[in-house]
Amino acid sequence: MVTGWGAALQKFITSEPIRRHLWSCAKVIVGINTVGFGLTALTQTHKLTDLLGTGAFVAVTWYSHVKCSSGMGLRILQPTSSLLLTSCVTLWGTRLAGYLFFRILQTGHDSRLAAFFPEENEPWLVGRSMYPLKLAFFWGVQSLWPMIVLLPVFVSQKLTPGNPITRLHMVPFGGFLFGFIWETVADIQKFIFKSKPKNKDLWIQKGLYRYSRHPNYFGEIVVWASMCALASNRTVMRRAPWVVISPLFVYMLLRYVSGVPILEASHAERYGGDLDYLQYRERTNLLFPWRPKKIHY
């Protein structure tokens, strides 16, 4: 007898409605990111990447909500758990896309993306950037991001689109608001700090950064853990418990791949010889906020 995660995988394999819905959502995501790749390749600008990449979250969530609600004869703006999930993703995505777009308009470029664009007179395909092959790979990977992170939302919208909003939703919704506000405040504090010329070669260690070296990533993790809890009603957990991969993926990605390691390495290279920075690192938690440690020499 198949039990545990094997049984969950078997249910997914044999659940045609869930598979079809996820496939239709995947096509929307790939379509948006393909357009993003084409526009970015043609214009060779960094400005569209986060706008379209994050915008795909909002667009596909509304697509899923409308598709599933209409299929059940529900009004699009009827107060259901599906609409609540859609509203949360819209709030998160609009804020993040707007912030990142505004930031890049101010800075003019994104150092994270420089490796995907050719330098002057660099040959295509065989140069340093292998343009546009690496860029296409980047947009392909970016398509996986919303597909995995939004799994709880897609499945909940498909299986229980008409569930009413109840008091049980308020706890995870409160967690979402907390994480959303936390990462928003962290982004604003860092942007204001970096905008001052006197801080050009300094690191931020005030505000939320006094309690965590990466409070914005902590807020992001809380957002998606709360979203998973908000989407994971009894039906979802019985038929698709594998949706918990969403917050696990977000945590692993930020903690070990694209978030914390890159910034920590960059800061170590820039400030590693500064005693003040080394003391800040020693007394301040890496990711999860806590009161600063007392250090003695």
Protein backbone atom coordinates (compact mmCIF):
# COMPACT_ATOMS: atom_id res chain seq x y z
CA MET A 1 0.00 0.00 0.00
CA VAL A 2 1.29 3.46 -0.93
CA THR A 3 1.33 5.86 2.00
CA GLY A 4 2.54 9.32 2.92
CA TRP A 5 4.11 11.42 0.20
CA GLY A 6 3.86 8.49 -2.22
CA ALA A 7 0.09 8.55 -1.85
CA ALA A 8 0.04 12.32 -2.29
CA LEU A 9 2.09 12.00 -5.48
CA GLN A 10 -0.21 9.26 -6.73
CA LYS A 11 -3.24 11.50 -6.13
CA PHE A 12 -1.57 14.29 -8.10
CA ILE A 13 -0.75 11.98 -10.99
CA THR A 14 -4.34 10.74 -11.16
CA SER A 15 -5.97 14.14 -10.49
CA GLU A 16 -6.73 15.29 -14.01
CA PRO A 17 -8.57 18.54 -13.05
CA ILE A 18 -5.64 19.78 -10.94
CA ARG A 19 -3.12 18.83 -13.62
CA ARG A 20 -5.09 20.58 -16.34
CA HIS A 21 -5.47 23.72 -14.27
CA LEU A 22 -1.79 23.86 -13.36
CA TRP A 23 -0.89 23.34 -17.01
CA SER A 24 -3.12 26.22 -18.12
CA CYS A 25 -1.58 28.49 -15.46
CA ALA A 26 1.90 27.44 -16.56
CA LYS A 27 1.13 28.46 -20.14
CA VAL A 28 0.09 31.94 -18.96
CA ILE A 29 3.30 32.31 -16.95
CA VAL A 30 5.52 31.10 -19.78
CA GLY A 31 3.70 33.38 -22.21
CA ILE A 32 4.30 36.48 -20.09
CA ASN A 33 7.95 35.60 -19.49
CA THR A 34 8.47 34.86 -23.18
CA VAL A 35 7.21 38.34 -23.98
CA GLY A 36 9.54 39.65 -21.27
CA PHE A 37 12.50 37.85 -22.81
CA GLY A 38 11.67 39.17 -26.28
CA LEU A 39 11.30 42.78 -25.16
CA THR A 40 14.40 42.60 -22.99
CA ALA A 41 16.48 41.04 -25.76
CA LEU A 42 15.35 43.67 -28.26
CA THR A 43 15.84 46.68 -26.00
CA GLN A 44 18.75 45.34 -23.91
CA THR A 45 17.34 47.08 -20.86
CA HIS A 46 17.19 45.97 -17.24
CA LYS A 47 14.05 47.99 -16.60
CA LEU A 48 11.46 45.41 -17.70
CA THR A 49 12.76 42.34 -15.89
CA ASP A 50 11.24 42.72 -12.44
CA LEU A 51 8.17 44.55 -13.76
CA LEU A 52 7.14 41.66 -16.01
CA GLY A 53 8.55 38.89 -13.82
CA THR A 54 6.61 40.02 -10.75
CA GLY A 55 3.65 41.11 -12.84
CA ALA A 56 3.29 37.50 -13.99
CA PHE A 57 2.32 36.57 -10.41
CA VAL A 58 -0.58 39.00 -10.41
CA ALA A 59 -1.75 38.24 -13.94
CA VAL A 60 -1.77 34.46 -13.56
CA THR A 61 -3.48 34.61 -10.16
CA TRP A 62 -6.32 36.68 -11.60
CA TYR A 63 -6.48 34.28 -14.56
CA SER A 64 -6.79 31.33 -12.18
CA HIS A 65 -9.39 33.10 -10.02
CA VAL A 66 -11.55 34.15 -12.95
CA LYS A 67 -11.31 30.74 -14.62
CA CYS A 68 -12.21 28.76 -11.49
CA SER A 69 -14.88 31.14 -10.21
CA SER A 70 -16.59 31.38 -13.59
CA GLY A 71 -16.52 27.61 -13.90
CA MET A 72 -18.52 27.36 -10.68
CA GLY A 73 -20.96 30.12 -11.64
CA LEU A 74 -19.55 32.51 -9.03
CA ARG A 75 -19.25 36.27 -9.35
CA ILE A 76 -15.66 37.39 -9.88
CA LEU A 77 -15.76 39.82 -6.94
CA GLN A 78 -17.81 37.57 -4.68
CA PRO A 79 -16.13 37.51 -1.22
CA THR A 80 -14.58 34.05 -1.32
CA SER A 81 -11.27 32.63 -0.15
CA SER A 82 -10.19 32.62 -3.82
CA LEU A 83 -10.73 36.37 -4.05
CA LEU A 84 -8.87 36.87 -0.75
CA LEU A 85 -5.89 34.92 -2.09
CA THR A 86 -6.01 36.88 -5.35
CA SER A 87 -6.14 40.17 -3.46
CA CYS A 88 -3.13 39.22 -1.35
CA VAL A 89 -1.05 38.28 -4.39
CA THR A 90 -2.15 41.49 -6.14
CA LEU A 91 -1.13 43.61 -3.15
CA TRP A 92 2.22 41.86 -2.84
CA GLY A 93 2.97 41.89 -6.58
CA THR A 94 1.90 45.47 -7.20
CA ARG A 95 4.01 46.74 -4.32
CA LEU A 96 7.10 44.74 -5.28
CA ALA A 97 6.89 45.42 -9.03
CA GLY A 98 6.31 49.12 -8.38
CA TYR A 99 9.19 49.36 -5.93
CA LEU A 100 11.66 47.49 -8.13
CA PHE A 101 10.63 49.48 -11.22
CA PHE A 102 10.99 52.78 -9.36
CA ARG A 103 14.36 51.69 -7.98
CA ILE A 104 15.78 50.79 -11.37
CA LEU A 105 14.51 54.04 -12.85
CA GLN A 106 16.57 55.80 -10.21
CA THR A 107 19.71 53.70 -10.57
CA GLY A 108 19.50 53.08 -14.33
CA HIS A 109 20.77 49.50 -14.14
CA ASP A 110 20.67 46.32 -12.09
CA SER A 111 24.05 44.81 -11.26
CA ARG A 112 22.43 41.38 -10.77
CA LEU A 113 21.50 41.29 -14.46
CA ALA A 114 24.67 42.73 -15.99
CA ALA A 115 26.07 39.27 -16.76
CA PHE A 116 23.17 38.56 -19.14
CA PHE A 117 23.83 41.52 -21.43
CA PRO A 118 26.69 41.94 -23.93
CA GLU A 119 29.40 44.50 -23.59
CA GLU A 120 30.20 46.83 -26.47
CA ASN A 121 31.35 44.93 -29.60
CA GLU A 122 30.93 41.59 -27.82
CA PRO A 123 29.94 38.80 -30.28
CA TRP A 124 26.63 37.04 -29.73
CA LEU A 125 26.45 33.41 -28.57
CA VAL A 126 30.20 33.01 -27.97
CA GLY A 127 31.02 36.12 -25.93
CA ARG A 128 31.20 36.51 -22.16
CA SER A 129 27.41 36.81 -21.80
CA MET A 130 26.65 34.23 -24.55
CA TYR A 131 23.93 36.69 -25.51
CA PRO A 132 21.05 35.93 -25.71
CA LEU A 133 21.35 32.30 -24.51
CA LYS A 134 21.99 33.10 -20.84
CA LEU A 135 19.23 35.71 -20.96
CA ALA A 136 16.78 33.13 -22.33
CA PHE A 137 17.80 30.69 -19.60
CA PHE A 138 17.25 33.41 -16.98
CA TRP A 139 13.70 34.07 -18.22
CA GLY A 140 13.04 30.33 -18.32
CA VAL A 141 14.09 29.97 -14.70
CA GLN A 142 12.03 33.03 -13.84
CA SER A 143 8.98 31.20 -15.19
CA LEU A 144 9.48 28.46 -12.59
CA TRP A 145 9.42 30.97 -9.73
CA PRO A 146 5.68 31.86 -9.82
CA MET A 147 4.69 28.35 -10.87
CA ILE A 148 6.16 26.81 -7.72
CA VAL A 149 5.43 29.64 -5.29
CA LEU A 150 1.77 29.95 -6.34
CA LEU A 151 0.98 26.22 -6.16
CA PRO A 152 -1.15 26.56 -2.97
CA VAL A 153 -3.10 29.42 -4.54
CA PHE A 154 -3.77 27.60 -7.82
CA VAL A 155 -4.84 24.38 -6.11
CA SER A 156 -7.08 26.15 -3.58
CA GLN A 157 -8.73 28.19 -6.33
CA LYS A 158 -9.34 25.02 -8.35
CA LEU A 159 -10.62 22.78 -5.57
CA THR A 160 -12.53 25.26 -3.38
CA PRO A 161 -13.19 28.46 -5.37
CA GLY A 162 -16.45 29.19 -3.57
CA ASN A 163 -15.29 28.78 0.03
CA PRO A 164 -16.49 31.76 2.08
CA ILE A 165 -14.07 33.88 4.07
CA THR A 166 -14.26 32.89 7.74
CA ARG A 167 -12.59 33.80 11.00
CA LEU A 168 -10.16 30.90 10.45
CA HIS A 169 -8.68 32.86 7.55
CA MET A 170 -7.82 35.80 9.78
CA VAL A 171 -4.76 34.25 11.43
CA PRO A 172 -2.86 33.44 8.20
CA PHE A 173 -4.14 36.68 6.67
CA GLY A 174 -2.69 38.53 9.66
CA GLY A 175 0.60 36.69 9.08
CA PHE A 176 0.54 37.80 5.45
CA LEU A 177 -0.03 41.43 6.43
CA PHE A 178 2.78 41.25 9.00
CA GLY A 179 5.26 39.84 6.48
CA PHE A 180 4.11 42.27 3.79
CA ILE A 181 4.52 45.31 6.06
CA TRP A 182 7.84 44.03 7.41
CA GLU A 183 9.45 43.61 3.98
CA THR A 184 7.95 46.88 2.74
CA VAL A 185 9.39 48.83 5.67
CA ALA A 186 12.76 47.09 5.22
CA ASP A 187 12.86 47.98 1.51
CA ILE A 188 11.93 51.61 2.21
CA GLN A 189 14.51 51.96 4.97
CA LYS A 190 17.26 50.53 2.77
CA PHE A 191 16.27 52.64 -0.24
CA ILE A 192 16.28 55.86 1.80
CA PHE A 193 19.63 54.94 3.37
CA LYS A 194 21.26 54.15 0.03
CA SER A 195 19.81 57.29 -1.57
CA LYS A 196 21.92 59.54 0.65
CA PRO A 197 25.34 60.27 -0.92
CA LYS A 198 27.07 60.09 2.48
CA ASN A 199 26.01 56.42 2.76
CA LYS A 200 27.30 55.40 -0.68
CA ASP A 201 29.99 53.06 0.66
CA LEU A 202 28.27 52.04 3.89
CA TRP A 203 25.92 49.22 4.89
CA ILE A 204 22.61 49.80 6.62
CA GLN A 205 22.39 48.72 10.24
CA LYS A 206 19.51 50.85 11.49
CA GLY A 207 15.77 50.26 11.74
CA LEU A 208 14.81 46.66 11.02
CA TYR A 209 18.40 45.98 9.95
CA ARG A 210 19.38 46.31 13.58
CA TYR A 211 17.59 43.01 14.28
CA SER A 212 18.35 41.12 11.08
CA ARG A 213 20.86 41.55 8.28
CA HIS A 214 18.19 40.63 5.72
CA PRO A 215 14.77 41.67 7.13
CA ASN A 216 13.23 42.03 3.67
CA TYR A 217 13.91 38.35 2.95
CA PHE A 218 12.46 37.40 6.33
CA GLY A 219 9.29 39.30 5.44
CA GLU A 220 9.13 37.53 2.07
CA ILE A 221 9.35 34.12 3.73
CA VAL A 222 6.57 35.05 6.18
CA VAL A 223 4.40 36.26 3.29
CA TRP A 224 4.52 32.97 1.41
CA ALA A 225 4.31 30.75 4.49
CA SER A 226 1.16 32.67 5.42
CA MET A 227 -0.20 32.44 1.89
CA CYS A 228 0.27 28.68 1.95
CA ALA A 229 -1.58 28.48 5.27
CA LEU A 230 -4.32 30.73 3.92
CA ALA A 231 -4.80 28.46 0.90
CA SER A 232 -4.45 25.13 2.71
CA ASN A 233 -7.96 24.24 3.80
CA ARG A 234 -8.98 20.69 4.62
CA THR A 235 -9.76 19.76 1.02
CA VAL A 236 -6.45 21.09 -0.28
CA MET A 237 -4.42 19.28 2.37
CA ARG A 238 -6.27 16.03 1.78
CA ARG A 239 -5.88 16.06 -1.99
CA ALA A 240 -2.67 18.05 -2.49
CA PRO A 241 -0.49 18.21 0.64
CA TRP A 242 2.52 18.74 -1.63
CA VAL A 243 1.60 22.44 -1.91
CA VAL A 244 3.79 23.02 1.17
CA ILE A 245 6.69 22.95 -1.27
CA SER A 246 5.88 26.63 -1.93
CA PRO A 247 7.15 28.22 1.33
CA LEU A 248 9.96 25.64 1.52
CA PHE A 249 11.07 26.66 -1.96
CA VAL A 250 10.96 30.37 -1.05
CA TYR A 251 13.04 29.76 2.09
CA MET A 252 15.62 27.59 0.33
CA LEU A 253 15.89 30.00 -2.61
CA LEU A 254 16.41 33.08 -0.45
CA ARG A 255 18.53 31.45 2.23
CA TYR A 256 20.84 29.31 0.11
CA VAL A 257 20.67 30.36 -3.56
CA SER A 258 19.77 33.81 -4.86
CA GLY A 259 19.19 36.01 -1.84
CA VAL A 260 21.26 35.84 1.31
CA PRO A 261 24.42 34.14 -0.10
CA ILE A 262 24.86 36.69 -2.91
CA LEU A 263 24.46 39.70 -0.63
CA GLU A 264 26.60 38.21 2.13
CA ALA A 265 29.40 37.51 -0.34
CA SER A 266 29.12 41.01 -1.77
CA HIS A 267 29.20 42.63 1.67
CA ALA A 268 32.13 40.47 2.78
CA GLU A 269 34.08 41.58 -0.29
CA ARG A 270 33.26 45.28 0.17
CA TYR A 271 33.32 45.61 3.96
CA GLY A 272 35.22 42.53 5.15
CA GLY A 273 38.17 44.61 6.31
CA ASP A 274 36.02 47.02 8.31
CA LEU A 275 35.94 46.27 12.05
CA ASP A 276 32.56 48.01 12.44
CA TYR A 277 31.03 45.75 9.81
CA LEU A 278 32.53 42.63 11.38
CA GLN A 279 31.03 43.66 14.71
CA TYR A 280 27.67 44.27 13.05
CA ARG A 281 27.78 40.78 11.54
CA GLU A 282 28.66 39.24 14.86
CA ARG A 283 25.91 40.89 16.86
CA THR A 284 23.10 40.77 14.26
CA ASN A 285 21.15 37.66 13.26
CA LEU A 286 21.49 36.62 9.64
CA LEU A 287 17.83 36.25 8.65
CA PHE A 288 15.34 35.84 11.48
CA PRO A 289 15.06 39.04 13.56
CA TRP A 290 16.19 39.03 17.18
CA ARG A 291 17.66 41.50 19.59
CA PRO A 292 21.35 42.26 18.88
CA LYS A 293 23.85 40.09 20.69
CA LYS A 294 26.26 41.61 23.16
CA ILE A 295 29.83 41.18 21.99
CA HIS A 296 32.89 41.34 24.21
CA TYR A 297 36.53 41.77 23.26
